[in-house]
Amino acid sequence: MESHPHLARKDAEEAGEVILNGIMRAVAEGKRVEIRNFGVFSASLRKAHLTRSPKTAKPVPKASARFPKFRADKPLQALEPIALKQTALSPVALDAASASPIVTSF
């Protein structure tokens, strides 16, 4: 919170949680949430269909389901990707030379 020293970290976390919970609740209800210059959160309906069991190769019915979608707005799409730095908390980091993921074990 270096750019806003007057804001307590706890207050910022609570504000973020309230916003994200509101977005998740709206999308779960089937509503569309648009944040200008950021993107659109929505839900799509996947129709019921038959799948195959990998074990038995028999058809298995799969129920319809709603799943969340996000479409980034143009300003967000225009941003350059940030190179990820490997930290003790992140299991995957990018190798700058080859731009391939390096998986670290814990």
PDB file of N, CA and C in Angstrom:
ATOM      1  N   MET A   1       0.830  -1.178   0.000  1.00  0.00           N
ATOM      2  CA  MET A   1       0.000   0.000   0.000  1.00  0.00           C
ATOM      3  C   MET A   1       0.883   1.253   0.000  1.00  0.00           C
ATOM      4  N   GLU A   2       1.969   1.170  -0.721  1.00  0.00           N
ATOM      5  CA  GLU A   2       2.908   2.285  -0.755  1.00  0.00           C
ATOM      6  C   GLU A   2       2.300   3.530  -1.379  1.00  0.00           C
ATOM      7  N   SER A   3       1.374   3.362  -2.356  1.00  0.00           N
ATOM      8  CA  SER A   3       0.803   4.532  -3.014  1.00  0.00           C
ATOM      9  C   SER A   3      -0.302   5.178  -2.182  1.00  0.00           C
ATOM     10  N   HIS A   4      -0.830   4.483  -1.168  1.00  0.00           N
ATOM     11  CA  HIS A   4      -1.872   5.022  -0.294  1.00  0.00           C
ATOM     12  C   HIS A   4      -1.527   4.732   1.164  1.00  0.00           C
ATOM     13  N   PRO A   5      -0.567   5.471   1.734  1.00  0.00           N
ATOM     14  CA  PRO A   5      -0.131   5.178   3.104  1.00  0.00           C
ATOM     15  C   PRO A   5      -1.214   5.437   4.156  1.00  0.00           C
ATOM     16  N   HIS A   6      -2.214   6.242   3.843  1.00  0.00           N
ATOM     17  CA  HIS A   6      -3.279   6.536   4.805  1.00  0.00           C
ATOM     18  C   HIS A   6      -4.278   5.385   4.933  1.00  0.00           C
ATOM     19  N   LEU A   7      -4.224   4.428   4.028  1.00  0.00           N
ATOM     20  CA  LEU A   7      -5.157   3.315   4.013  1.00  0.00           C
ATOM     21  C   LEU A   7      -4.552   2.127   4.764  1.00  0.00           C
ATOM     22  N   ALA A   8      -5.268   1.616   5.724  1.00  0.00           N
ATOM     23  CA  ALA A   8      -4.789   0.456   6.478  1.00  0.00           C
ATOM     24  C   ALA A   8      -4.941  -0.792   5.620  1.00  0.00           C
ATOM     25  N   ARG A   9      -4.002  -1.702   5.727  1.00  0.00           N
ATOM     26  CA  ARG A   9      -4.023  -2.935   4.946  1.00  0.00           C
ATOM     27  C   ARG A   9      -5.317  -3.724   5.196  1.00  0.00           C
ATOM     28  N   LYS A  10      -5.744  -3.785   6.457  1.00  0.00           N
ATOM     29  CA  LYS A  10      -6.954  -4.515   6.817  1.00  0.00           C
ATOM     30  C   LYS A  10      -8.173  -3.915   6.116  1.00  0.00           C
ATOM     31  N   ASP A  11      -8.260  -2.582   6.076  1.00  0.00           N
ATOM     32  CA  ASP A  11      -9.384  -1.911   5.422  1.00  0.00           C
ATOM     33  C   ASP A  11      -9.392  -2.204   3.921  1.00  0.00           C
ATOM     34  N   ALA A  12      -8.221  -2.204   3.305  1.00  0.00           N
ATOM     35  CA  ALA A  12      -8.123  -2.488   1.877  1.00  0.00           C
ATOM     36  C   ALA A  12      -8.528  -3.932   1.586  1.00  0.00           C
ATOM     37  N   GLU A  13      -8.109  -4.863   2.447  1.00  0.00           N
ATOM     38  CA  GLU A  13      -8.480  -6.271   2.264  1.00  0.00           C
ATOM     39  C   GLU A  13      -9.981  -6.455   2.397  1.00  0.00           C
ATOM     40  N   GLU A  14     -10.587  -5.788   3.386  1.00  0.00           N
ATOM     41  CA  GLU A  14     -12.031  -5.885   3.580  1.00  0.00           C
ATOM     42  C   GLU A  14     -12.782  -5.313   2.384  1.00  0.00           C
ATOM     43  N   ALA A  15     -12.321  -4.188   1.858  1.00  0.00           N
ATOM     44  CA  ALA A  15     -12.964  -3.566   0.698  1.00  0.00           C
ATOM     45  C   ALA A  15     -12.867  -4.498  -0.514  1.00  0.00           C
ATOM     46  N   GLY A  16     -11.717  -5.096  -0.710  1.00  0.00           N
ATOM     47  CA  GLY A  16     -11.541  -6.043  -1.812  1.00  0.00           C
ATOM     48  C   GLY A  16     -12.451  -7.249  -1.681  1.00  0.00           C
ATOM     49  N   GLU A  17     -12.571  -7.770  -0.455  1.00  0.00           N
ATOM     50  CA  GLU A  17     -13.452  -8.916  -0.204  1.00  0.00           C
ATOM     51  C   GLU A  17     -14.904  -8.577  -0.498  1.00  0.00           C
ATOM     52  N   VAL A  18     -15.343  -7.385  -0.084  1.00  0.00           N
ATOM     53  CA  VAL A  18     -16.724  -6.965  -0.318  1.00  0.00           C
ATOM     54  C   VAL A  18     -16.996  -6.884  -1.821  1.00  0.00           C
ATOM     55  N   ILE A  19     -16.075  -6.296  -2.562  1.00  0.00           N
ATOM     56  CA  ILE A  19     -16.242  -6.161  -4.012  1.00  0.00           C
ATOM     57  C   ILE A  19     -16.274  -7.528  -4.675  1.00  0.00           C
ATOM     58  N   LEU A  20     -15.307  -8.392  -4.356  1.00  0.00           N
ATOM     59  CA  LEU A  20     -15.251  -9.716  -4.978  1.00  0.00           C
ATOM     60  C   LEU A  20     -16.454 -10.571  -4.610  1.00  0.00           C
ATOM     61  N   ASN A  21     -16.902 -10.507  -3.352  1.00  0.00           N
ATOM     62  CA  ASN A  21     -18.087 -11.262  -2.948  1.00  0.00           C
ATOM     63  C   ASN A  21     -19.326 -10.779  -3.696  1.00  0.00           C
ATOM     64  N   GLY A  22     -19.429  -9.478  -3.908  1.00  0.00           N
ATOM     65  CA  GLY A  22     -20.549  -8.927  -4.670  1.00  0.00           C
ATOM     66  C   GLY A  22     -20.541  -9.407  -6.108  1.00  0.00           C
ATOM     67  N   ILE A  23     -19.361  -9.435  -6.724  1.00  0.00           N
ATOM     68  CA  ILE A  23     -19.236  -9.926  -8.099  1.00  0.00           C
ATOM     69  C   ILE A  23     -19.599 -11.402  -8.159  1.00  0.00           C
ATOM     70  N   MET A  24     -19.074 -12.209  -7.230  1.00  0.00           N
ATOM     71  CA  MET A  24     -19.364 -13.646  -7.235  1.00  0.00           C
ATOM     72  C   MET A  24     -20.851 -13.912  -7.017  1.00  0.00           C
ATOM     73  N   ARG A  25     -21.492 -13.165  -6.113  1.00  0.00           N
ATOM     74  CA  ARG A  25     -22.908 -13.348  -5.846  1.00  0.00           C
ATOM     75  C   ARG A  25     -23.736 -13.018  -7.084  1.00  0.00           C
ATOM     76  N   ALA A  26     -23.401 -11.917  -7.758  1.00  0.00           N
ATOM     77  CA  ALA A  26     -24.143 -11.503  -8.949  1.00  0.00           C
ATOM     78  C   ALA A  26     -23.985 -12.524 -10.074  1.00  0.00           C
ATOM     79  N   VAL A  27     -22.772 -13.004 -10.303  1.00  0.00           N
ATOM     80  CA  VAL A  27     -22.531 -13.988 -11.365  1.00  0.00           C
ATOM     81  C   VAL A  27     -23.239 -15.300 -11.033  1.00  0.00           C
ATOM     82  N   ALA A  28     -23.250 -15.691  -9.762  1.00  0.00           N
ATOM     83  CA  ALA A  28     -23.946 -16.916  -9.349  1.00  0.00           C
ATOM     84  C   ALA A  28     -25.444 -16.811  -9.615  1.00  0.00           C
ATOM     85  N   GLU A  29     -25.991 -15.595  -9.558  1.00  0.00           N
ATOM     86  CA  GLU A  29     -27.410 -15.377  -9.844  1.00  0.00           C
ATOM     87  C   GLU A  29     -27.677 -15.255 -11.340  1.00  0.00           C
ATOM     88  N   GLY A  30     -26.623 -15.331 -12.153  1.00  0.00           N
ATOM     89  CA  GLY A  30     -26.788 -15.246 -13.602  1.00  0.00           C
ATOM     90  C   GLY A  30     -26.695 -13.835 -14.149  1.00  0.00           C
ATOM     91  N   LYS A  31     -26.290 -12.874 -13.327  1.00  0.00           N
ATOM     92  CA  LYS A  31     -26.176 -11.490 -13.772  1.00  0.00           C
ATOM     93  C   LYS A  31     -24.824 -11.235 -14.415  1.00  0.00           C
ATOM     94  N   ARG A  32     -24.735 -10.147 -15.149  1.00  0.00           N
ATOM     95  CA  ARG A  32     -23.499  -9.730 -15.819  1.00  0.00           C
ATOM     96  C   ARG A  32     -22.948  -8.533 -15.051  1.00  0.00           C
ATOM     97  N   VAL A  33     -21.652  -8.564 -14.727  1.00  0.00           N
ATOM     98  CA  VAL A  33     -21.023  -7.469 -13.982  1.00  0.00           C
ATOM     99  C   VAL A  33     -19.931  -6.877 -14.853  1.00  0.00           C
ATOM    100  N   GLU A  34     -20.065  -5.588 -15.159  1.00  0.00           N
ATOM    101  CA  GLU A  34     -19.076  -4.909 -16.002  1.00  0.00           C
ATOM    102  C   GLU A  34     -18.336  -3.869 -15.182  1.00  0.00           C
ATOM    103  N   ILE A  35     -17.015  -3.919 -15.240  1.00  0.00           N
ATOM    104  CA  ILE A  35     -16.169  -2.909 -14.609  1.00  0.00           C
ATOM    105  C   ILE A  35     -15.464  -2.195 -15.756  1.00  0.00           C
ATOM    106  N   ARG A  36     -15.807  -0.941 -15.986  1.00  0.00           N
ATOM    107  CA  ARG A  36     -15.277  -0.183 -17.118  1.00  0.00           C
ATOM    108  C   ARG A  36     -13.747  -0.199 -17.125  1.00  0.00           C
ATOM    109  N   ASN A  37     -13.186  -0.364 -18.317  1.00  0.00           N
ATOM    110  CA  ASN A  37     -11.740  -0.405 -18.561  1.00  0.00           C
ATOM    111  C   ASN A  37     -11.052  -1.577 -17.870  1.00  0.00           C
ATOM    112  N   PHE A  38     -11.816  -2.534 -17.371  1.00  0.00           N
ATOM    113  CA  PHE A  38     -11.230  -3.726 -16.760  1.00  0.00           C
ATOM    114  C   PHE A  38     -11.753  -4.972 -17.441  1.00  0.00           C
ATOM    115  N   GLY A  39     -13.072  -5.201 -17.370  1.00  0.00           N
ATOM    116  CA  GLY A  39     -13.625  -6.375 -18.028  1.00  0.00           C
ATOM    117  C   GLY A  39     -15.034  -6.692 -17.580  1.00  0.00           C
ATOM    118  N   VAL A  40     -15.530  -7.834 -18.072  1.00  0.00           N
ATOM    119  CA  VAL A  40     -16.891  -8.259 -17.806  1.00  0.00           C
ATOM    120  C   VAL A  40     -16.881  -9.659 -17.212  1.00  0.00           C
ATOM    121  N   PHE A  41     -17.583  -9.809 -16.096  1.00  0.00           N
ATOM    122  CA  PHE A  41     -17.783 -11.112 -15.474  1.00  0.00           C
ATOM    123  C   PHE A  41     -19.199 -11.550 -15.822  1.00  0.00           C
ATOM    124  N   SER A  42     -19.354 -12.806 -16.240  1.00  0.00           N
ATOM    125  CA  SER A  42     -20.682 -13.317 -16.562  1.00  0.00           C
ATOM    126  C   SER A  42     -20.706 -14.818 -16.316  1.00  0.00           C
ATOM    127  N   ALA A  43     -21.893 -15.396 -16.485  1.00  0.00           N
ATOM    128  CA  ALA A  43     -22.034 -16.838 -16.332  1.00  0.00           C
ATOM    129  C   ALA A  43     -22.617 -17.397 -17.619  1.00  0.00           C
ATOM    130  N   SER A  44     -22.138 -18.548 -18.019  1.00  0.00           N
ATOM    131  CA  SER A  44     -22.668 -19.244 -19.189  1.00  0.00           C
ATOM    132  C   SER A  44     -23.230 -20.575 -18.747  1.00  0.00           C
ATOM    133  N   LEU A  45     -24.173 -21.061 -19.529  1.00  0.00           N
ATOM    134  CA  LEU A  45     -24.793 -22.331 -19.213  1.00  0.00           C
ATOM    135  C   LEU A  45     -24.249 -23.401 -20.153  1.00  0.00           C
ATOM    136  N   ARG A  46     -23.699 -24.434 -19.589  1.00  0.00           N
ATOM    137  CA  ARG A  46     -23.229 -25.578 -20.375  1.00  0.00           C
ATOM    138  C   ARG A  46     -24.382 -26.577 -20.412  1.00  0.00           C
ATOM    139  N   LYS A  47     -24.803 -26.967 -21.614  1.00  0.00           N
ATOM    140  CA  LYS A  47     -25.938 -27.879 -21.760  1.00  0.00           C
ATOM    141  C   LYS A  47     -25.596 -29.273 -21.252  1.00  0.00           C
ATOM    142  N   ALA A  48     -26.647 -29.996 -20.889  1.00  0.00           N
ATOM    143  CA  ALA A  48     -26.475 -31.400 -20.490  1.00  0.00           C
ATOM    144  C   ALA A  48     -26.042 -32.194 -21.730  1.00  0.00           C
ATOM    145  N   HIS A  49     -25.129 -33.127 -21.545  1.00  0.00           N
ATOM    146  CA  HIS A  49     -24.638 -33.919 -22.665  1.00  0.00           C
ATOM    147  C   HIS A  49     -24.093 -35.257 -22.163  1.00  0.00           C
ATOM    148  N   LEU A  50     -23.745 -36.113 -23.103  1.00  0.00           N
ATOM    149  CA  LEU A  50     -23.158 -37.406 -22.752  1.00  0.00           C
ATOM    150  C   LEU A  50     -21.643 -37.323 -22.846  1.00  0.00           C
ATOM    151  N   THR A  51     -20.971 -37.886 -21.875  1.00  0.00           N
ATOM    152  CA  THR A  51     -19.516 -38.006 -21.912  1.00  0.00           C
ATOM    153  C   THR A  51     -19.173 -39.488 -21.841  1.00  0.00           C
ATOM    154  N   ARG A  52     -17.929 -39.801 -22.039  1.00  0.00           N
ATOM    155  CA  ARG A  52     -17.491 -41.197 -21.958  1.00  0.00           C
ATOM    156  C   ARG A  52     -16.632 -41.393 -20.728  1.00  0.00           C
ATOM    157  N   SER A  53     -16.886 -42.500 -20.047  1.00  0.00           N
ATOM    158  CA  SER A  53     -16.076 -42.856 -18.898  1.00  0.00           C
ATOM    159  C   SER A  53     -14.738 -43.369 -19.408  1.00  0.00           C
ATOM    160  N   PRO A  54     -13.617 -42.827 -18.946  1.00  0.00           N
ATOM    161  CA  PRO A  54     -12.314 -43.309 -19.414  1.00  0.00           C
ATOM    162  C   PRO A  54     -12.016 -44.749 -18.987  1.00  0.00           C
ATOM    163  N   LYS A  55     -12.658 -45.163 -17.909  1.00  0.00           N
ATOM    164  CA  LYS A  55     -12.418 -46.506 -17.400  1.00  0.00           C
ATOM    165  C   LYS A  55     -13.155 -47.566 -18.218  1.00  0.00           C
ATOM    166  N   THR A  56     -14.446 -47.309 -18.457  1.00  0.00           N
ATOM    167  CA  THR A  56     -15.274 -48.321 -19.108  1.00  0.00           C
ATOM    168  C   THR A  56     -15.629 -47.976 -20.548  1.00  0.00           C
ATOM    169  N   ALA A  57     -15.387 -46.758 -20.989  1.00  0.00           N
ATOM    170  CA  ALA A  57     -15.722 -46.265 -22.326  1.00  0.00           C
ATOM    171  C   ALA A  57     -17.229 -46.250 -22.570  1.00  0.00           C
ATOM    172  N   LYS A  58     -18.025 -46.318 -21.509  1.00  0.00           N
ATOM    173  CA  LYS A  58     -19.477 -46.259 -21.639  1.00  0.00           C
ATOM    174  C   LYS A  58     -19.934 -44.806 -21.534  1.00  0.00           C
ATOM    175  N   PRO A  59     -21.014 -44.461 -22.217  1.00  0.00           N
ATOM    176  CA  PRO A  59     -21.542 -43.095 -22.110  1.00  0.00           C
ATOM    177  C   PRO A  59     -22.094 -42.817 -20.708  1.00  0.00           C
ATOM    178  N   VAL A  60     -21.789 -41.638 -20.219  1.00  0.00           N
ATOM    179  CA  VAL A  60     -22.242 -41.217 -18.894  1.00  0.00           C
ATOM    180  C   VAL A  60     -22.926 -39.854 -19.060  1.00  0.00           C
ATOM    181  N   PRO A  61     -24.173 -39.710 -18.588  1.00  0.00           N
ATOM    182  CA  PRO A  61     -24.836 -38.409 -18.719  1.00  0.00           C
ATOM    183  C   PRO A  61     -24.215 -37.374 -17.773  1.00  0.00           C
ATOM    184  N   LYS A  62     -24.052 -36.168 -18.289  1.00  0.00           N
ATOM    185  CA  LYS A  62     -23.515 -35.072 -17.480  1.00  0.00           C
ATOM    186  C   LYS A  62     -24.573 -33.976 -17.449  1.00  0.00           C
ATOM    187  N   ALA A  63     -24.920 -33.528 -16.263  1.00  0.00           N
ATOM    188  CA  ALA A  63     -25.969 -32.522 -16.091  1.00  0.00           C
ATOM    189  C   ALA A  63     -25.517 -31.158 -16.606  1.00  0.00           C
ATOM    190  N   SER A  64     -26.487 -30.300 -16.873  1.00  0.00           N
ATOM    191  CA  SER A  64     -26.146 -28.946 -17.280  1.00  0.00           C
ATOM    192  C   SER A  64     -25.523 -28.221 -16.087  1.00  0.00           C
ATOM    193  N   ALA A  65     -24.671 -27.256 -16.386  1.00  0.00           N
ATOM    194  CA  ALA A  65     -23.984 -26.530 -15.320  1.00  0.00           C
ATOM    195  C   ALA A  65     -23.733 -25.096 -15.754  1.00  0.00           C
ATOM    196  N   ARG A  66     -23.716 -24.212 -14.791  1.00  0.00           N
ATOM    197  CA  ARG A  66     -23.381 -22.820 -15.050  1.00  0.00           C
ATOM    198  C   ARG A  66     -21.915 -22.618 -14.659  1.00  0.00           C
ATOM    199  N   PHE A  67     -21.161 -21.918 -15.510  1.00  0.00           N
ATOM    200  CA  PHE A  67     -19.761 -21.678 -15.188  1.00  0.00           C
ATOM    201  C   PHE A  67     -19.428 -20.208 -15.414  1.00  0.00           C
ATOM    202  N   PRO A  68     -18.497 -19.661 -14.627  1.00  0.00           N
ATOM    203  CA  PRO A  68     -18.148 -18.246 -14.744  1.00  0.00           C
ATOM    204  C   PRO A  68     -17.237 -17.981 -15.940  1.00  0.00           C
ATOM    205  N   LYS A  69     -17.380 -16.782 -16.511  1.00  0.00           N
ATOM    206  CA  LYS A  69     -16.530 -16.343 -17.615  1.00  0.00           C
ATOM    207  C   LYS A  69     -16.029 -14.935 -17.314  1.00  0.00           C
ATOM    208  N   PHE A  70     -14.866 -14.607 -17.858  1.00  0.00           N
ATOM    209  CA  PHE A  70     -14.338 -13.246 -17.739  1.00  0.00           C
ATOM    210  C   PHE A  70     -13.807 -12.832 -19.095  1.00  0.00           C
ATOM    211  N   ARG A  71     -14.186 -11.648 -19.537  1.00  0.00           N
ATOM    212  CA  ARG A  71     -13.674 -11.096 -20.786  1.00  0.00           C
ATOM    213  C   ARG A  71     -13.003  -9.770 -20.452  1.00  0.00           C
ATOM    214  N   ALA A  72     -11.698  -9.711 -20.722  1.00  0.00           N
ATOM    215  CA  ALA A  72     -10.927  -8.511 -20.413  1.00  0.00           C
ATOM    216  C   ALA A  72     -11.285  -7.390 -21.384  1.00  0.00           C
ATOM    217  N   ASP A  73     -11.330  -6.154 -20.876  1.00  0.00           N
ATOM    218  CA  ASP A  73     -11.593  -4.990 -21.691  1.00  0.00           C
ATOM    219  C   ASP A  73     -10.306  -4.578 -22.416  1.00  0.00           C
ATOM    220  N   LYS A  74     -10.411  -3.716 -23.424  1.00  0.00           N
ATOM    221  CA  LYS A  74      -9.255  -3.349 -24.257  1.00  0.00           C
ATOM    222  C   LYS A  74      -8.084  -2.763 -23.462  1.00  0.00           C
ATOM    223  N   PRO A  75      -8.300  -1.849 -22.507  1.00  0.00           N
ATOM    224  CA  PRO A  75      -7.143  -1.340 -21.759  1.00  0.00           C
ATOM    225  C   PRO A  75      -6.395  -2.444 -20.997  1.00  0.00           C
ATOM    226  N   LEU A  76      -7.121  -3.413 -20.476  1.00  0.00           N
ATOM    227  CA  LEU A  76      -6.479  -4.511 -19.763  1.00  0.00           C
ATOM    228  C   LEU A  76      -5.742  -5.429 -20.734  1.00  0.00           C
ATOM    229  N   GLN A  77      -6.317  -5.643 -21.915  1.00  0.00           N
ATOM    230  CA  GLN A  77      -5.676  -6.490 -22.925  1.00  0.00           C
ATOM    231  C   GLN A  77      -4.392  -5.856 -23.454  1.00  0.00           C
ATOM    232  N   ALA A  78      -4.330  -4.522 -23.441  1.00  0.00           N
ATOM    233  CA  ALA A  78      -3.183  -3.814 -23.983  1.00  0.00           C
ATOM    234  C   ALA A  78      -1.968  -3.821 -23.059  1.00  0.00           C
ATOM    235  N   LEU A  79      -2.144  -4.216 -21.805  1.00  0.00           N
ATOM    236  CA  LEU A  79      -1.026  -4.230 -20.864  1.00  0.00           C
ATOM    237  C   LEU A  79      -0.003  -5.291 -21.239  1.00  0.00           C
ATOM    238  N   GLU A  80       1.244  -4.984 -21.009  1.00  0.00           N
ATOM    239  CA  GLU A  80       2.320  -5.941 -21.245  1.00  0.00           C
ATOM    240  C   GLU A  80       2.336  -6.959 -20.114  1.00  0.00           C
ATOM    241  N   PRO A  81       2.581  -8.236 -20.425  1.00  0.00           N
ATOM    242  CA  PRO A  81       2.651  -9.219 -19.345  1.00  0.00           C
ATOM    243  C   PRO A  81       3.837  -8.939 -18.426  1.00  0.00           C
ATOM    244  N   ILE A  82       3.632  -9.160 -17.154  1.00  0.00           N
ATOM    245  CA  ILE A  82       4.680  -8.945 -16.161  1.00  0.00           C
ATOM    246  C   ILE A  82       5.389 -10.271 -15.938  1.00  0.00           C
ATOM    247  N   ALA A  83       6.714 -10.257 -15.998  1.00  0.00           N
ATOM    248  CA  ALA A  83       7.480 -11.481 -15.754  1.00  0.00           C
ATOM    249  C   ALA A  83       7.306 -11.884 -14.294  1.00  0.00           C
ATOM    250  N   LEU A  84       6.951 -13.124 -14.082  1.00  0.00           N
ATOM    251  CA  LEU A  84       6.765 -13.614 -12.723  1.00  0.00           C
ATOM    252  C   LEU A  84       8.110 -13.919 -12.095  1.00  0.00           C
ATOM    253  N   LYS A  85       8.256 -13.551 -10.850  1.00  0.00           N
ATOM    254  CA  LYS A  85       9.482 -13.850 -10.125  1.00  0.00           C
ATOM    255  C   LYS A  85       9.234 -15.068  -9.255  1.00  0.00           C
ATOM    256  N   GLN A  86      10.213 -15.930  -9.179  1.00  0.00           N
ATOM    257  CA  GLN A  86      10.086 -17.124  -8.344  1.00  0.00           C
ATOM    258  C   GLN A  86      10.268 -16.712  -6.891  1.00  0.00           C
ATOM    259  N   THR A  87       9.293 -17.082  -6.074  1.00  0.00           N
ATOM    260  CA  THR A  87       9.380 -16.793  -4.651  1.00  0.00           C
ATOM    261  C   THR A  87       9.195 -18.092  -3.889  1.00  0.00           C
ATOM    262  N   ALA A  88       9.388 -18.028  -2.616  1.00  0.00           N
ATOM    263  CA  ALA A  88       9.220 -19.224  -1.791  1.00  0.00           C
ATOM    264  C   ALA A  88       7.766 -19.678  -1.779  1.00  0.00           C
ATOM    265  N   LEU A  89       6.821 -18.747  -2.021  1.00  0.00           N
ATOM    266  CA  LEU A  89       5.408 -19.086  -1.974  1.00  0.00           C
ATOM    267  C   LEU A  89       4.855 -19.533  -3.324  1.00  0.00           C
ATOM    268  N   SER A  90       5.538 -19.212  -4.433  1.00  0.00           N
ATOM    269  CA  SER A  90       4.982 -19.588  -5.732  1.00  0.00           C
ATOM    270  C   SER A  90       5.658 -20.832  -6.271  1.00  0.00           C
ATOM    271  N   PRO A  91       4.875 -21.896  -6.550  1.00  0.00           N
ATOM    272  CA  PRO A  91       5.456 -23.129  -7.054  1.00  0.00           C
ATOM    273  C   PRO A  91       5.853 -23.061  -8.519  1.00  0.00           C
ATOM    274  N   VAL A  92       5.337 -22.093  -9.260  1.00  0.00           N
ATOM    275  CA  VAL A  92       5.660 -21.986 -10.680  1.00  0.00           C
ATOM    276  C   VAL A  92       6.224 -20.609 -10.953  1.00  0.00           C
ATOM    277  N   ALA A  93       7.322 -20.550 -11.676  1.00  0.00           N
ATOM    278  CA  ALA A  93       7.917 -19.285 -12.068  1.00  0.00           C
ATOM    279  C   ALA A  93       8.352 -19.395 -13.521  1.00  0.00           C
ATOM    280  N   LEU A  94       8.548 -18.263 -14.164  1.00  0.00           N
ATOM    281  CA  LEU A  94       8.981 -18.279 -15.555  1.00  0.00           C
ATOM    282  C   LEU A  94      10.490 -18.137 -15.628  1.00  0.00           C
ATOM    283  N   ASP A  95      11.098 -18.942 -16.468  1.00  0.00           N
ATOM    284  CA  ASP A  95      12.521 -18.830 -16.749  1.00  0.00           C
ATOM    285  C   ASP A  95      12.669 -17.741 -17.799  1.00  0.00           C
ATOM    286  N   ALA A  96      13.368 -16.675 -17.492  1.00  0.00           N
ATOM    287  CA  ALA A  96      13.470 -15.534 -18.392  1.00  0.00           C
ATOM    288  C   ALA A  96      14.120 -15.901 -19.720  1.00  0.00           C
ATOM    289  N   ALA A  97      15.062 -16.815 -19.735  1.00  0.00           N
ATOM    290  CA  ALA A  97      15.763 -17.172 -20.958  1.00  0.00           C
ATOM    291  C   ALA A  97      14.867 -17.938 -21.935  1.00  0.00           C
ATOM    292  N   SER A  98      14.125 -18.892 -21.442  1.00  0.00           N
ATOM    293  CA  SER A  98      13.330 -19.737 -22.334  1.00  0.00           C
ATOM    294  C   SER A  98      11.830 -19.453 -22.268  1.00  0.00           C
ATOM    295  N   ALA A  99      11.393 -18.627 -21.320  1.00  0.00           N
ATOM    296  CA  ALA A  99       9.989 -18.308 -21.116  1.00  0.00           C
ATOM    297  C   ALA A  99       9.135 -19.552 -20.940  1.00  0.00           C
ATOM    298  N   SER A 100       9.734 -20.600 -20.412  1.00  0.00           N
ATOM    299  CA  SER A 100       8.978 -21.816 -20.131  1.00  0.00           C
ATOM    300  C   SER A 100       8.789 -21.943 -18.632  1.00  0.00           C
ATOM    301  N   PRO A 101       7.675 -22.533 -18.202  1.00  0.00           N
ATOM    302  CA  PRO A 101       7.455 -22.630 -16.762  1.00  0.00           C
ATOM    303  C   PRO A 101       8.435 -23.580 -16.092  1.00  0.00           C
ATOM    304  N   ILE A 102       8.890 -23.177 -14.918  1.00  0.00           N
ATOM    305  CA  ILE A 102       9.759 -24.032 -14.118  1.00  0.00           C
ATOM    306  C   ILE A 102       8.959 -24.380 -12.865  1.00  0.00           C
ATOM    307  N   VAL A 103       8.769 -25.635 -12.625  1.00  0.00           N
ATOM    308  CA  VAL A 103       8.009 -26.061 -11.451  1.00  0.00           C
ATOM    309  C   VAL A 103       8.983 -26.372 -10.337  1.00  0.00           C
ATOM    310  N   THR A 104       8.756 -25.736  -9.199  1.00  0.00           N
ATOM    311  CA  THR A 104       9.614 -26.009  -8.045  1.00  0.00           C
ATOM    312  C   THR A 104       8.855 -26.882  -7.072  1.00  0.00           C
ATOM    313  N   SER A 105       9.541 -27.719  -6.364  1.00  0.00           N
ATOM    314  CA  SER A 105       8.867 -28.591  -5.397  1.00  0.00           C
ATOM    315  C   SER A 105       9.084 -28.061  -3.997  1.00  0.00           C
ATOM    316  N   PHE A 106       8.168 -28.394  -3.117  1.00  0.00           N
ATOM    317  CA  PHE A 106       8.244 -27.945  -1.733  1.00  0.00           C
ATOM    318  C   PHE A 106       8.657 -29.067  -0.856  1.00  0.00           C
TER     319      PHE A 106
END
